[in-house]
C-alpha atoms as a PDB file:
ATOM      1  CA  MET A   1       0.000   0.000   0.000  1.00  0.00           C
ATOM      2  CA  VAL A   2       1.413   3.337  -1.046  1.00  0.00           C
ATOM      3  CA  PRO A   3       1.327   5.981   1.731  1.00  0.00           C
ATOM      4  CA  VAL A   4      -1.060   8.865   1.220  1.00  0.00           C
ATOM      5  CA  SER A   5      -1.146  12.188   3.006  1.00  0.00           C
ATOM      6  CA  PRO A   6      -4.817  13.132   2.915  1.00  0.00           C
ATOM      7  CA  ASN A   7      -5.897  16.747   3.225  1.00  0.00           C
ATOM      8  CA  GLY A   8      -9.508  16.197   4.231  1.00  0.00           C
ATOM      9  CA  GLY A   9     -12.556  13.991   3.733  1.00  0.00           C
ATOM     10  CA  PHE A  10     -12.012  10.647   2.039  1.00  0.00           C
ATOM     11  CA  LYS A  11      -8.985   9.513   0.080  1.00  0.00           C
ATOM     12  CA  LYS A  12      -9.308   6.395  -2.045  1.00  0.00           C
ATOM     13  CA  GLN A  13      -6.791   3.869  -3.285  1.00  0.00           C
ATOM     14  CA  ILE A  14      -7.384   0.732  -5.338  1.00  0.00           C
ATOM     15  CA  LEU A  15      -5.061  -1.988  -4.063  1.00  0.00           C
ATOM     16  CA  ARG A  16      -4.666  -4.789  -6.579  1.00  0.00           C
ATOM     17  CA  TYR A  17      -4.493  -8.462  -5.696  1.00  0.00           C
ATOM     18  CA  ALA A  18      -0.980  -9.958  -5.516  1.00  0.00           C
ATOM     19  CA  ASP A  19      -0.429 -13.604  -6.444  1.00  0.00           C
ATOM     20  CA  VAL A  20       2.206 -15.395  -4.341  1.00  0.00           C
ATOM     21  CA  LEU A  21       4.037 -16.452  -7.508  1.00  0.00           C
ATOM     22  CA  ASP A  22       4.111 -12.836  -8.695  1.00  0.00           C
ATOM     23  CA  VAL A  23       5.676 -11.835  -5.396  1.00  0.00           C
ATOM     24  CA  VAL A  24       8.299 -14.584  -5.679  1.00  0.00           C
ATOM     25  CA  GLN A  25       9.115 -13.520  -9.251  1.00  0.00           C
ATOM     26  CA  ALA A  26       9.389  -9.866  -8.226  1.00  0.00           C
ATOM     27  CA  VAL A  27      11.763 -10.699  -5.370  1.00  0.00           C
ATOM     28  CA  HIS A  28      13.815 -13.113  -7.450  1.00  0.00           C
ATOM     29  CA  THR A  29      14.244 -10.676 -10.370  1.00  0.00           C
ATOM     30  CA  HIS A  30      14.819  -7.499  -8.364  1.00  0.00           C
ATOM     31  CA  PRO A  31      16.407  -4.937 -10.727  1.00  0.00           C
ATOM     32  CA  ASP A  32      18.957  -3.723  -8.173  1.00  0.00           C
ATOM     33  CA  PRO A  33      21.853  -6.265  -8.026  1.00  0.00           C
ATOM     34  CA  LEU A  34      22.927  -4.984  -4.594  1.00  0.00           C
ATOM     35  CA  VAL A  35      19.460  -5.506  -3.121  1.00  0.00           C
ATOM     36  CA  LYS A  36      19.041  -8.851  -4.850  1.00  0.00           C
ATOM     37  CA  SER A  37      22.330 -10.137  -3.437  1.00  0.00           C
ATOM     38  CA  SER A  38      21.441  -9.136   0.132  1.00  0.00           C
ATOM     39  CA  PHE A  39      18.686 -11.720   0.675  1.00  0.00           C
ATOM     40  CA  VAL A  40      17.427 -15.152  -0.365  1.00  0.00           C
ATOM     41  CA  ILE A  41      14.038 -16.848  -0.151  1.00  0.00           C
ATOM     42  CA  GLY A  42      14.309 -19.507   2.538  1.00  0.00           C
ATOM     43  CA  ALA A  43      10.746 -20.837   2.679  1.00  0.00           C
ATOM     44  CA  VAL A  44       7.288 -19.706   1.618  1.00  0.00           C
ATOM     45  CA  THR A  45       4.452 -20.377   4.075  1.00  0.00           C
ATOM     46  CA  ALA A  46       0.747 -19.938   3.320  1.00  0.00           C
ATOM     47  CA  CYS A  47      -1.845 -19.414   6.058  1.00  0.00           C
ATOM     48  CA  VAL A  48      -5.331 -20.856   5.526  1.00  0.00           C
ATOM     49  CA  ASP A  49      -8.481 -20.341   7.583  1.00  0.00           C
ATOM     50  CA  PRO A  50     -10.749 -23.296   6.684  1.00  0.00           C
ATOM     51  CA  LEU A  51     -13.782 -21.325   7.865  1.00  0.00           C
ATOM     52  CA  GLY A  52     -13.047 -18.331   5.671  1.00  0.00           C
ATOM     53  CA  CYS A  53     -11.991 -19.719   2.294  1.00  0.00           C
ATOM     54  CA  ILE A  54     -15.408 -20.448   0.755  1.00  0.00           C
ATOM     55  CA  MET A  55     -17.509 -17.783  -0.973  1.00  0.00           C
ATOM     56  CA  GLU A  56     -20.639 -19.884  -1.441  1.00  0.00           C
ATOM     57  CA  HIS A  57     -21.441 -23.566  -0.955  1.00  0.00           C
ATOM     58  CA  ARG A  58     -18.116 -25.149  -2.083  1.00  0.00           C
ATOM     59  CA  PHE A  59     -17.113 -22.283  -4.353  1.00  0.00           C
ATOM     60  CA  TYR A  60     -13.728 -21.170  -3.044  1.00  0.00           C
ATOM     61  CA  PHE A  61     -12.350 -17.648  -3.146  1.00  0.00           C
ATOM     62  CA  PRO A  62     -10.500 -16.833  -6.391  1.00  0.00           C
ATOM     63  CA  LYS A  63      -6.812 -17.746  -6.363  1.00  0.00           C
ATOM     64  CA  PHE A  64      -7.253 -19.743  -3.161  1.00  0.00           C
ATOM     65  CA  LEU A  65      -5.506 -22.801  -4.566  1.00  0.00           C
ATOM     66  CA  GLU A  66      -2.967 -20.650  -6.448  1.00  0.00           C
ATOM     67  CA  GLN A  67      -1.872 -19.253  -3.082  1.00  0.00           C
ATOM     68  CA  CYS A  68      -0.544 -22.705  -2.148  1.00  0.00           C
ATOM     69  CA  PRO A  69       1.231 -23.821  -5.354  1.00  0.00           C
ATOM     70  CA  HIS A  70       3.473 -26.858  -5.586  1.00  0.00           C
ATOM     71  CA  GLY A  71       7.108 -25.867  -5.993  1.00  0.00           C
ATOM     72  CA  ILE A  72       6.567 -22.454  -4.343  1.00  0.00           C
ATOM     73  CA  VAL A  73       4.901 -22.981  -0.964  1.00  0.00           C
ATOM     74  CA  SER A  74       6.692 -25.283   1.454  1.00  0.00           C
ATOM     75  CA  ASN A  75       4.307 -25.016   4.420  1.00  0.00           C
ATOM     76  CA  ILE A  76       0.567 -24.500   4.842  1.00  0.00           C
ATOM     77  CA  VAL A  77      -0.592 -23.280   8.258  1.00  0.00           C
ATOM     78  CA  PHE A  78      -4.220 -23.943   9.251  1.00  0.00           C
ATOM     79  CA  THR A  79      -5.441 -21.331  11.712  1.00  0.00           C
ATOM     80  CA  SER A  80      -8.874 -22.653  12.746  1.00  0.00           C
ATOM     81  CA  LEU A  81     -10.775 -25.902  13.475  1.00  0.00           C
ATOM     82  CA  THR A  82      -7.515 -27.507  14.629  1.00  0.00           C
ATOM     83  CA  SER A  83      -8.630 -28.081  18.214  1.00  0.00           C
ATOM     84  CA  GLU A  84     -11.412 -30.444  17.112  1.00  0.00           C
ATOM     85  CA  GLN A  85     -10.115 -33.795  15.984  1.00  0.00           C
ATOM     86  CA  ARG A  86     -10.950 -34.713  12.369  1.00  0.00           C
ATOM     87  CA  HIS A  87     -13.266 -31.792  11.720  1.00  0.00           C
ATOM     88  CA  PRO A  88     -14.990 -32.470   8.346  1.00  0.00           C
ATOM     89  CA  THR A  89     -14.452 -28.943   6.977  1.00  0.00           C
ATOM     90  CA  LEU A  90     -10.769 -28.974   7.888  1.00  0.00           C
ATOM     91  CA  GLY A  91     -10.391 -32.448   6.411  1.00  0.00           C
ATOM     92  CA  LEU A  92     -12.023 -31.371   3.158  1.00  0.00           C
ATOM     93  CA  VAL A  93      -9.742 -28.338   2.770  1.00  0.00           C
ATOM     94  CA  GLN A  94      -6.655 -30.379   3.640  1.00  0.00           C
ATOM     95  CA  LYS A  95      -7.570 -33.041   1.091  1.00  0.00           C
ATOM     96  CA  LEU A  96      -8.018 -30.401  -1.603  1.00  0.00           C
ATOM     97  CA  LEU A  97      -4.735 -28.668  -0.811  1.00  0.00           C
ATOM     98  CA  ARG A  98      -2.888 -31.985  -0.636  1.00  0.00           C
ATOM     99  CA  THR A  99      -4.014 -32.633  -4.204  1.00  0.00           C
ATOM    100  CA  VAL A 100      -2.703 -29.229  -5.306  1.00  0.00           C
ATOM    101  CA  ASN A 101       0.520 -29.347  -3.310  1.00  0.00           C
ATOM    102  CA  PRO A 102       1.478 -32.919  -2.310  1.00  0.00           C
ATOM    103  CA  GLY A 103       4.845 -31.854  -0.974  1.00  0.00           C
ATOM    104  CA  ALA A 104       3.749 -29.145   1.467  1.00  0.00           C
ATOM    105  CA  ALA A 105       4.016 -29.599   5.223  1.00  0.00           C
ATOM    106  CA  PHE A 106       0.701 -29.104   7.055  1.00  0.00           C
ATOM    107  CA  ILE A 107       0.968 -27.135  10.296  1.00  0.00           C
ATOM    108  CA  LEU A 108      -1.876 -26.856  12.798  1.00  0.00           C
ATOM    109  CA  ALA A 109      -1.857 -23.472  14.538  1.00  0.00           C
ATOM    110  CA  GLU A 110      -5.143 -22.503  16.195  1.00  0.00           C
ATOM    111  CA  LYS A 111      -5.607 -18.712  15.905  1.00  0.00           C
ATOM    112  CA  GLY A 112      -2.189 -18.550  14.256  1.00  0.00           C
ATOM    113  CA  VAL A 113      -0.228 -19.782  17.275  1.00  0.00           C
ATOM    114  CA  ILE A 114       2.495 -22.291  16.361  1.00  0.00           C
ATOM    115  CA  THR A 115       3.471 -24.356  19.403  1.00  0.00           C
ATOM    116  CA  ARG A 116       5.729 -27.150  18.122  1.00  0.00           C
ATOM    117  CA  ASN A 117       9.454 -26.507  17.665  1.00  0.00           C
ATOM    118  CA  GLU A 118       9.614 -28.632  14.531  1.00  0.00           C
ATOM    119  CA  ASP A 119       6.868 -26.516  12.932  1.00  0.00           C
ATOM    120  CA  ILE A 120       8.740 -23.311  13.738  1.00  0.00           C
ATOM    121  CA  GLU A 121      11.858 -24.783  12.141  1.00  0.00           C
ATOM    122  CA  LEU A 122       9.878 -25.533   8.978  1.00  0.00           C
ATOM    123  CA  VAL A 123       8.639 -21.934   8.759  1.00  0.00           C
ATOM    124  CA  LEU A 124      12.123 -20.521   9.415  1.00  0.00           C
ATOM    125  CA  SER A 125      13.899 -22.907   7.055  1.00  0.00           C
ATOM    126  CA  GLU A 126      16.590 -21.270   4.927  1.00  0.00           C
ATOM    127  CA  SER A 127      16.807 -24.017   2.306  1.00  0.00           C
ATOM    128  CA  SER A 128      13.408 -25.594   1.576  1.00  0.00           C
ATOM    129  CA  PHE A 129      12.595 -23.155  -1.255  1.00  0.00           C
ATOM    130  CA  SER A 130      15.880 -23.918  -3.015  1.00  0.00           C
ATOM    131  CA  SER A 131      15.727 -27.691  -2.599  1.00  0.00           C
ATOM    132  CA  THR A 132      16.229 -29.804  -5.729  1.00  0.00           C
ATOM    133  CA  GLN A 133      12.652 -31.097  -5.716  1.00  0.00           C
ATOM    134  CA  MET A 134      11.122 -27.619  -5.343  1.00  0.00           C
ATOM    135  CA  LEU A 135      13.373 -26.222  -8.068  1.00  0.00           C
ATOM    136  CA  ARG A 136      12.417 -29.038 -10.449  1.00  0.00           C
ATOM    137  CA  MET A 137       8.708 -28.429  -9.881  1.00  0.00           C
ATOM    138  CA  ARG A 138       9.060 -24.688 -10.525  1.00  0.00           C
ATOM    139  CA  TYR A 139      10.754 -25.227 -13.871  1.00  0.00           C
ATOM    140  CA  LEU A 140       8.174 -27.827 -14.918  1.00  0.00           C
ATOM    141  CA  MET A 141       5.037 -26.000 -13.772  1.00  0.00           C
ATOM    142  CA  TYR A 142       5.920 -22.311 -14.179  1.00  0.00           C
ATOM    143  CA  PRO A 143       8.058 -21.858 -17.303  1.00  0.00           C
ATOM    144  CA  GLY A 144       9.734 -18.464 -17.370  1.00  0.00           C
ATOM    145  CA  TRP A 145       9.433 -17.884 -13.613  1.00  0.00           C
ATOM    146  CA  TYR A 146      13.212 -17.530 -13.211  1.00  0.00           C
ATOM    147  CA  ASP A 147      13.179 -14.443 -15.445  1.00  0.00           C
ATOM    148  CA  GLY A 148       9.894 -13.147 -14.050  1.00  0.00           C
ATOM    149  CA  LYS A 149       7.984 -13.921 -17.266  1.00  0.00           C
ATOM    150  CA  PHE A 150       5.415 -16.433 -16.009  1.00  0.00           C
ATOM    151  CA  SER A 151       1.855 -15.042 -16.170  1.00  0.00           C
ATOM    152  CA  THR A 152      -0.347 -16.025 -13.254  1.00  0.00           C
ATOM    153  CA  GLY A 153      -3.585 -15.064 -15.018  1.00  0.00           C
ATOM    154  CA  ALA A 154      -6.505 -12.876 -14.094  1.00  0.00           C
ATOM    155  CA  VAL A 155      -8.643 -13.123 -10.969  1.00  0.00           C
ATOM    156  CA  SER A 156     -12.210 -14.296 -11.482  1.00  0.00           C
ATOM    157  CA  PRO A 157     -14.541 -13.206 -10.030  1.00  0.00           C
ATOM    158  CA  LYS A 158     -12.800  -9.858  -9.763  1.00  0.00           C
ATOM    159  CA  VAL A 159     -11.599  -8.963  -6.284  1.00  0.00           C
ATOM    160  CA  ASP A 160     -10.914  -5.340  -5.322  1.00  0.00           C
ATOM    161  CA  ARG A 161      -9.245  -3.763  -2.356  1.00  0.00           C
ATOM    162  CA  VAL A 162     -10.343  -0.186  -1.833  1.00  0.00           C
ATOM    163  CA  CYS A 163      -8.467   1.938   0.691  1.00  0.00           C
ATOM    164  CA  LEU A 164     -10.294   4.893   2.254  1.00  0.00           C
ATOM    165  CA  TRP A 165      -8.624   7.530   4.410  1.00  0.00           C
ATOM    166  CA  PHE A 166     -10.937   9.663   6.518  1.00  0.00           C
ATOM    167  CA  SER A 167     -10.821  12.248   9.253  1.00  0.00           C
ATOM    168  CA  ARG A 168     -13.705  11.718  11.682  1.00  0.00           C
ATOM    169  CA  PRO A 169     -14.026   9.259  14.560  1.00  0.00           C
ATOM    170  CA  LEU A 170     -16.612   6.496  14.266  1.00  0.00           C
ATOM    171  CA  GLU A 171     -19.314   5.433  16.663  1.00  0.00           C
ATOM    172  CA  LYS A 172     -18.127   2.121  18.094  1.00  0.00           C
ATOM    173  CA  ALA A 173     -21.561   0.543  18.529  1.00  0.00           C
ATOM    174  CA  ARG A 174     -22.651   1.552  15.030  1.00  0.00           C
ATOM    175  CA  PHE A 175     -19.441   0.264  13.457  1.00  0.00           C
ATOM    176  CA  MET A 176     -19.669  -3.088  15.229  1.00  0.00           C
ATOM    177  CA  THR A 177     -23.349  -3.494  14.310  1.00  0.00           C
ATOM    178  CA  ARG A 178     -22.751  -2.689  10.662  1.00  0.00           C
ATOM    179  CA  CYS A 179     -19.777  -5.061  10.459  1.00  0.00           C
ATOM    180  CA  LYS A 180     -21.796  -7.886  11.971  1.00  0.00           C
ATOM    181  CA  SER A 181     -24.676  -7.217   9.545  1.00  0.00           C
ATOM    182  CA  LEU A 182     -22.458  -7.621   6.473  1.00  0.00           C
ATOM    183  CA  LYS A 183     -22.807 -11.398   6.470  1.00  0.00           C
ATOM    184  CA  SER A 184     -26.588 -11.217   6.074  1.00  0.00           C
ATOM    185  CA  SER A 185     -26.167  -8.892   3.074  1.00  0.00           C
ATOM    186  CA  ILE A 186     -23.837 -11.226   1.144  1.00  0.00           C
ATOM    187  CA  LYS A 187     -25.184 -11.861  -2.365  1.00  0.00           C
ATOM    188  CA  SER A 188     -24.764 -14.932  -4.553  1.00  0.00           C
ATOM    189  CA  PHE A 189     -22.915 -15.078  -7.867  1.00  0.00           C
ATOM    190  CA  PRO A 190     -21.614 -12.784  -9.328  1.00  0.00           C
ATOM    191  CA  PHE A 191     -21.067 -11.482  -5.763  1.00  0.00           C
ATOM    192  CA  THR A 192     -21.141  -7.830  -6.867  1.00  0.00           C
ATOM    193  CA  GLY A 193     -20.698  -5.408  -3.974  1.00  0.00           C
ATOM    194  CA  ASN A 194     -19.933  -8.070  -1.367  1.00  0.00           C
ATOM    195  CA  ILE A 195     -17.482  -6.963   1.333  1.00  0.00           C
ATOM    196  CA  TYR A 196     -15.469  -9.911   2.616  1.00  0.00           C
ATOM    197  CA  GLN A 197     -12.824  -8.252   4.753  1.00  0.00           C
ATOM    198  CA  ILE A 198     -12.141  -4.936   6.472  1.00  0.00           C
ATOM    199  CA  LEU A 199      -8.705  -4.050   7.801  1.00  0.00           C
ATOM    200  CA  GLY A 200      -7.376  -0.777   9.092  1.00  0.00           C
ATOM    201  CA  ARG A 201      -6.960   1.696  11.910  1.00  0.00           C
ATOM    202  CA  VAL A 202      -9.677   3.977  13.224  1.00  0.00           C
ATOM    203  CA  ALA A 203     -10.631   6.192  16.139  1.00  0.00           C
ATOM    204  CA  PHE A 204     -13.877   5.855  18.070  1.00  0.00           C
ATOM    205  CA  SER A 205     -15.724   8.779  19.601  1.00  0.00           C
ATOM    206  CA  ASP A 206     -15.563   7.302  23.108  1.00  0.00           C
ATOM    207  CA  SER A 207     -11.757   7.209  23.220  1.00  0.00           C
ATOM    208  CA  GLU A 208      -8.753   9.121  21.958  1.00  0.00           C
ATOM    209  CA  GLN A 209      -6.741   5.925  21.434  1.00  0.00           C
ATOM    210  CA  MET A 210      -6.455   4.533  17.933  1.00  0.00           C
ATOM    211  CA  VAL A 211      -7.781   1.006  17.319  1.00  0.00           C
ATOM    212  CA  ASP A 212      -6.628  -1.656  14.846  1.00  0.00           C
ATOM    213  CA  VAL A 213      -9.622  -3.213  13.106  1.00  0.00           C
ATOM    214  CA  SER A 214      -9.917  -6.649  11.486  1.00  0.00           C
ATOM    215  CA  HIS A 215     -13.248  -8.026  10.290  1.00  0.00           C
ATOM    216  CA  ASN A 216     -13.907 -11.210   8.318  1.00  0.00           C
ATOM    217  CA  THR A 217     -17.414 -11.324   6.895  1.00  0.00           C
ATOM    218  CA  VAL A 218     -17.488 -15.059   6.093  1.00  0.00           C
ATOM    219  CA  THR A 219     -16.614 -16.063   9.660  1.00  0.00           C
ATOM    220  CA  ASN A 220     -18.372 -12.958  11.058  1.00  0.00           C
ATOM    221  CA  SER A 221     -15.416 -12.285  13.340  1.00  0.00           C
ATOM    222  CA  LEU A 222     -14.499  -8.746  14.388  1.00  0.00           C
ATOM    223  CA  THR A 223     -11.295  -7.896  16.247  1.00  0.00           C
ATOM    224  CA  LEU A 224     -10.624  -4.498  17.824  1.00  0.00           C
ATOM    225  CA  LEU A 225      -7.191  -4.015  19.363  1.00  0.00           C
ATOM    226  CA  PRO A 226      -5.912  -0.735  20.864  1.00  0.00           C
ATOM    227  CA  VAL A 227      -2.808   0.504  19.089  1.00  0.00           C
ATOM    228  CA  VAL A 228       0.329   0.172  21.171  1.00  0.00           C
ATOM    229  CA  ASP A 229       2.461   3.302  21.069  1.00  0.00           C
ATOM    230  CA  GLY A 230       5.719   2.819  19.225  1.00  0.00           C
ATOM    231  CA  PRO A 231       8.410   4.764  17.391  1.00  0.00           C
ATOM    232  CA  VAL A 232       7.086   7.590  15.207  1.00  0.00           C
ATOM    233  CA  PRO A 233       8.765   8.031  11.807  1.00  0.00           C
ATOM    234  CA  PRO A 234      10.420  11.405  11.205  1.00  0.00           C
ATOM    235  CA  PRO A 235       8.431  13.956   9.182  1.00  0.00           C
ATOM    236  CA  ASP A 236       8.915  13.952   5.432  1.00  0.00           C
ATOM    237  CA  PRO A 237      10.461  17.302   4.396  1.00  0.00           C
ATOM    238  CA  ARG A 238       9.003  16.860   0.907  1.00  0.00           C
ATOM    239  CA  ASN A 239       5.498  17.040   2.299  1.00  0.00           C
ATOM    240  CA  GLU A 240       4.754  20.270   4.128  1.00  0.00           C
ATOM    241  CA  ARG A 241       1.223  19.199   4.971  1.00  0.00           C
ATOM    242  CA  ARG A 242       2.280  16.197   7.003  1.00  0.00           C
ATOM    243  CA  ASP A 243       1.201  16.258  10.636  1.00  0.00           C
ATOM    244  CA  ASN A 244       0.336  13.867  13.429  1.00  0.00           C
ATOM    245  CA  SER A 245      -3.381  14.570  13.477  1.00  0.00           C
ATOM    246  CA  ILE A 246      -6.111  11.978  13.296  1.00  0.00           C
ATOM    247  CA  LEU A 247      -6.641  13.091   9.703  1.00  0.00           C
ATOM    248  CA  GLN A 248      -3.576  11.132   8.675  1.00  0.00           C
ATOM    249  CA  GLN A 249      -4.204   8.030  10.720  1.00  0.00           C
ATOM    250  CA  CYS A 250      -7.756   6.783  10.058  1.00  0.00           C
ATOM    251  CA  VAL A 251      -7.789   4.273   7.235  1.00  0.00           C
ATOM    252  CA  LEU A 252      -9.822   1.202   6.270  1.00  0.00           C
ATOM    253  CA  VAL A 253      -9.109  -1.279   3.490  1.00  0.00           C
ATOM    254  CA  PHE A 254     -12.205  -3.021   2.100  1.00  0.00           C
ATOM    255  CA  THR A 255     -11.767  -6.302   0.217  1.00  0.00           C
ATOM    256  CA  GLY A 256     -14.612  -7.578  -1.926  1.00  0.00           C
ATOM    257  CA  CYS A 257     -16.056  -8.098  -5.386  1.00  0.00           C
ATOM    258  CA  ALA A 258     -16.650  -5.157  -7.749  1.00  0.00           C
ATOM    259  CA  LEU A 259     -16.618  -2.651  -4.902  1.00  0.00           C
ATOM    260  CA  ARG A 260     -17.745   0.908  -5.609  1.00  0.00           C
ATOM    261  CA  GLU A 261     -16.131   3.844  -3.847  1.00  0.00           C
ATOM    262  CA  ASP A 262     -19.398   5.738  -3.319  1.00  0.00           C
ATOM    263  CA  ASP A 263     -21.098   2.703  -1.781  1.00  0.00           C
ATOM    264  CA  LEU A 264     -18.238   2.215   0.663  1.00  0.00           C
ATOM    265  CA  LYS A 265     -18.290   5.895   1.612  1.00  0.00           C
ATOM    266  CA  ASP A 266     -22.031   5.709   2.281  1.00  0.00           C
ATOM    267  CA  TRP A 267     -21.481   2.577   4.381  1.00  0.00           C
ATOM    268  CA  LEU A 268     -18.759   4.304   6.383  1.00  0.00           C
ATOM    269  CA  ARG A 269     -20.727   7.514   6.867  1.00  0.00           C
ATOM    270  CA  LEU A 270     -23.448   5.530   8.626  1.00  0.00           C
ATOM    271  CA  CYS A 271     -20.829   4.338  11.133  1.00  0.00           C
ATOM    272  CA  ALA A 272     -20.259   7.924  12.264  1.00  0.00           C
ATOM    273  CA  LYS A 273     -22.428  10.136  14.443  1.00  0.00           C
ATOM    274  CA  GLN A 274     -25.721  10.714  12.678  1.00  0.00           C
ATOM    275  CA  VAL A 275     -27.325  14.044  12.006  1.00  0.00           C
ATOM    276  CA  LYS A 276     -30.648  14.935  13.645  1.00  0.00           C
ATOM    277  CA  ARG A 277     -32.690  14.014  10.555  1.00  0.00           C
ATOM    278  CA  HIS A 278     -32.068  10.273  10.916  1.00  0.00           C
ATOM    279  CA  LEU A 279     -34.967  10.061  13.383  1.00  0.00           C
ATOM    280  CA  ASP A 280     -37.444  11.711  11.024  1.00  0.00           C
ATOM    281  CA  PRO A 281     -40.576   9.644  10.294  1.00  0.00           C
ATOM    282  CA  LEU A 282     -40.287   7.124   7.479  1.00  0.00           C
ATOM    283  CA  PRO A 283     -42.493   7.382   4.391  1.00  0.00           C
ATOM    284  CA  GLU A 284     -45.391   4.956   4.104  1.00  0.00           C
ATOM    285  CA  GLY A 285     -44.323   1.427   3.227  1.00  0.00           C
ATOM    286  CA  TYR A 286     -40.914   1.570   4.969  1.00  0.00           C
ATOM    287  CA  PHE A 287     -39.631   0.282   8.276  1.00  0.00           C
ATOM    288  CA  TYR A 288     -36.239   0.137  10.019  1.00  0.00           C
ATOM    289  CA  ASN A 289     -34.958  -3.328  11.043  1.00  0.00           C
ATOM    290  CA  GLY A 290     -32.147  -2.065  13.266  1.00  0.00           C
ATOM    291  CA  THR A 291     -29.468  -1.926  10.584  1.00  0.00           C
ATOM    292  CA  GLN A 292     -31.214  -1.076   7.293  1.00  0.00           C
ATOM    293  CA  PHE A 293     -34.329   0.571   5.892  1.00  0.00           C
ATOM    294  CA  VAL A 294     -36.686  -1.918   4.212  1.00  0.00           C
ATOM    295  CA  ASN A 295     -39.718  -1.306   1.993  1.00  0.00           C
ATOM    296  CA  PHE A 296     -42.766  -3.541   1.517  1.00  0.00           C
ATOM    297  CA  LEU A 297     -41.039  -5.237  -1.463  1.00  0.00           C
ATOM    298  CA  GLY A 298     -38.173  -6.375   0.756  1.00  0.00           C
ATOM    299  CA  GLU A 299     -35.669  -4.005  -0.851  1.00  0.00           C
ATOM    300  CA  LYS A 300     -33.048  -2.798   1.605  1.00  0.00           C
ATOM    301  CA  MET A 301     -31.070   0.424   1.761  1.00  0.00           C
ATOM    302  CA  ASP A 302     -28.465   1.740   4.179  1.00  0.00           C
ATOM    303  CA  HIS A 303     -29.625   5.365   4.167  1.00  0.00           C
ATOM    304  CA  HIS A 304     -32.926   7.030   5.004  1.00  0.00           C
ATOM    305  CA  PRO A 305     -35.431   6.840   2.107  1.00  0.00           C
ATOM    306  CA  LEU A 306     -35.792  10.645   2.229  1.00  0.00           C
ATOM    307  CA  MET A 307     -32.049  11.263   2.167  1.00  0.00           C
ATOM    308  CA  ASP A 308     -32.239  13.126  -1.167  1.00  0.00           C
ATOM    309  CA  GLN A 309     -34.811  15.507   0.322  1.00  0.00           C
ATOM    310  CA  PHE A 310     -32.654  15.961   3.415  1.00  0.00           C
ATOM    311  CA  ILE A 311     -29.674  16.865   1.231  1.00  0.00           C
ATOM    312  CA  TYR A 312     -31.791  19.279  -0.819  1.00  0.00           C
ATOM    313  CA  ASP A 313     -33.075  20.990   2.347  1.00  0.00           C
ATOM    314  CA  TYR A 314     -29.547  21.208   3.688  1.00  0.00           C
ATOM    315  CA  VAL A 315     -28.242  22.819   0.496  1.00  0.00           C
ATOM    316  CA  ILE A 316     -31.081  25.370   0.518  1.00  0.00           C
ATOM    317  CA  GLU A 317     -30.393  26.237   4.150  1.00  0.00           C
ATOM    318  CA  ALA A 318     -26.636  26.434   3.570  1.00  0.00           C
ATOM    319  CA  ASN A 319     -27.133  28.786   0.601  1.00  0.00           C
ATOM    320  CA  LYS A 320     -29.388  31.011   2.700  1.00  0.00           C
ATOM    321  CA  GLU A 321     -26.714  31.166   5.387  1.00  0.00           C
ATOM    322  CA  ILE A 322     -24.102  32.101   2.781  1.00  0.00           C
ATOM    323  CA  GLU A 323     -26.346  34.849   1.404  1.00  0.00           C
ATOM    324  CA  ARG A 324     -26.913  36.248   4.910  1.00  0.00           C
ATOM    325  CA  HIS A 325     -23.180  36.230   5.562  1.00  0.00           C
ATOM    326  CA  ASN A 326     -22.455  38.007   2.269  1.00  0.00           C
ATOM    327  CA  TRP A 327     -25.149  40.604   2.991  1.00  0.00           C
ATOM    328  CA  ASP A 328     -23.631  41.291   6.433  1.00  0.00           C
ATOM    329  CA  LEU A 329     -20.255  41.849   4.784  1.00  0.00           C
ATOM    330  CA  GLU A 330     -21.766  44.269   2.290  1.00  0.00           C
ATOM    331  CA  GLN A 331     -23.307  46.354   5.094  1.00  0.00           C
ATOM    332  CA  GLN A 332     -20.012  46.847   6.867  1.00  0.00           C
ATOM    333  CA  GLU A 333     -18.112  50.096   6.373  1.00  0.00           C
ATOM    334  CA  TYR A 334     -14.403  50.018   5.625  1.00  0.00           C
ATOM    335  CA  TYR A 335     -11.839  52.814   6.142  1.00  0.00           C
ATOM    336  CA  ASP A 336      -8.327  53.295   4.905  1.00  0.00           C
ATOM    337  CA  VAL A 337      -5.294  54.087   7.080  1.00  0.00           C
ATOM    338  CA  PHE A 338      -6.198  57.804   7.012  1.00  0.00           C
ATOM    339  CA  GLY A 339      -9.690  57.218   8.344  1.00  0.00           C
ATOM    340  CA  GLN A 340     -11.402  57.920   5.062  1.00  0.00           C
ATOM    341  CA  LYS A 341     -14.358  55.772   4.106  1.00  0.00           C
ATOM    342  CA  LEU A 342     -13.702  53.432   1.213  1.00  0.00           C
END
């Protein structure tokens, strides 16, 4: 993610998906010889959450299997369902991945915690990636990889990562409720508009401390962790507008299918403190279910059905206020340094 120094409101970035093989090729063919000679790839480890890898029924997320390719990935770490012996979902995912990568070591690490010394040694290996067997598989399965010319192909269905920077604190209860309601709004193929993951750092109105946010829609798990104070990077002299305000720190990255910036902004706005009009009576045929507005046809919307009228009224009132302010300025008398009226 490229750093951005926002100067107000929202700032958007589209973060493209990165295939593990593309990353390996980029590292292996680094254009700077000095940088390239300063490191080697020891081992590649993929982490898999068996509960969060399926989009619908047994339709897996795009590039799921390509994230664990034979000849590239040496270890696959399973981060859930490991405490229950022979869980059917875990067994199904393991069987599928064993077919794709028969040489990978399977590591059980509930919630990402690796406890066995031998598993840690596998992850920290300095030679498994360069072993003869792994090298042979890379040349057979990914021709041109050594020169960075192997094409990994497009992602289907399309997955976007949209990064939004913003300046205002969120309401904690609203944010948590809206995150938890995402799972019920998931749509079937072609999955357009589905939000599957939210990552970032925000501030809530009930505290001045920043909070790291991680939400997985498929597993409906939300994690909020206070940010631990650490070293602050020095200011960038090339950017005069850089400061340490909240404006620069609040950011959320949304991962999903065919995401639209305006829709995400509307979703995020409803996580902030609402204006007084949100309690206005609903038009006939609408009701509020606690998270969304629903009409008698079952159609749902995140904003008030009369939002367009609210915006129109606000613009009219704001223009009247501007006209009053301009009129007040015109009625004022101005004098020069000699006391003469201008």
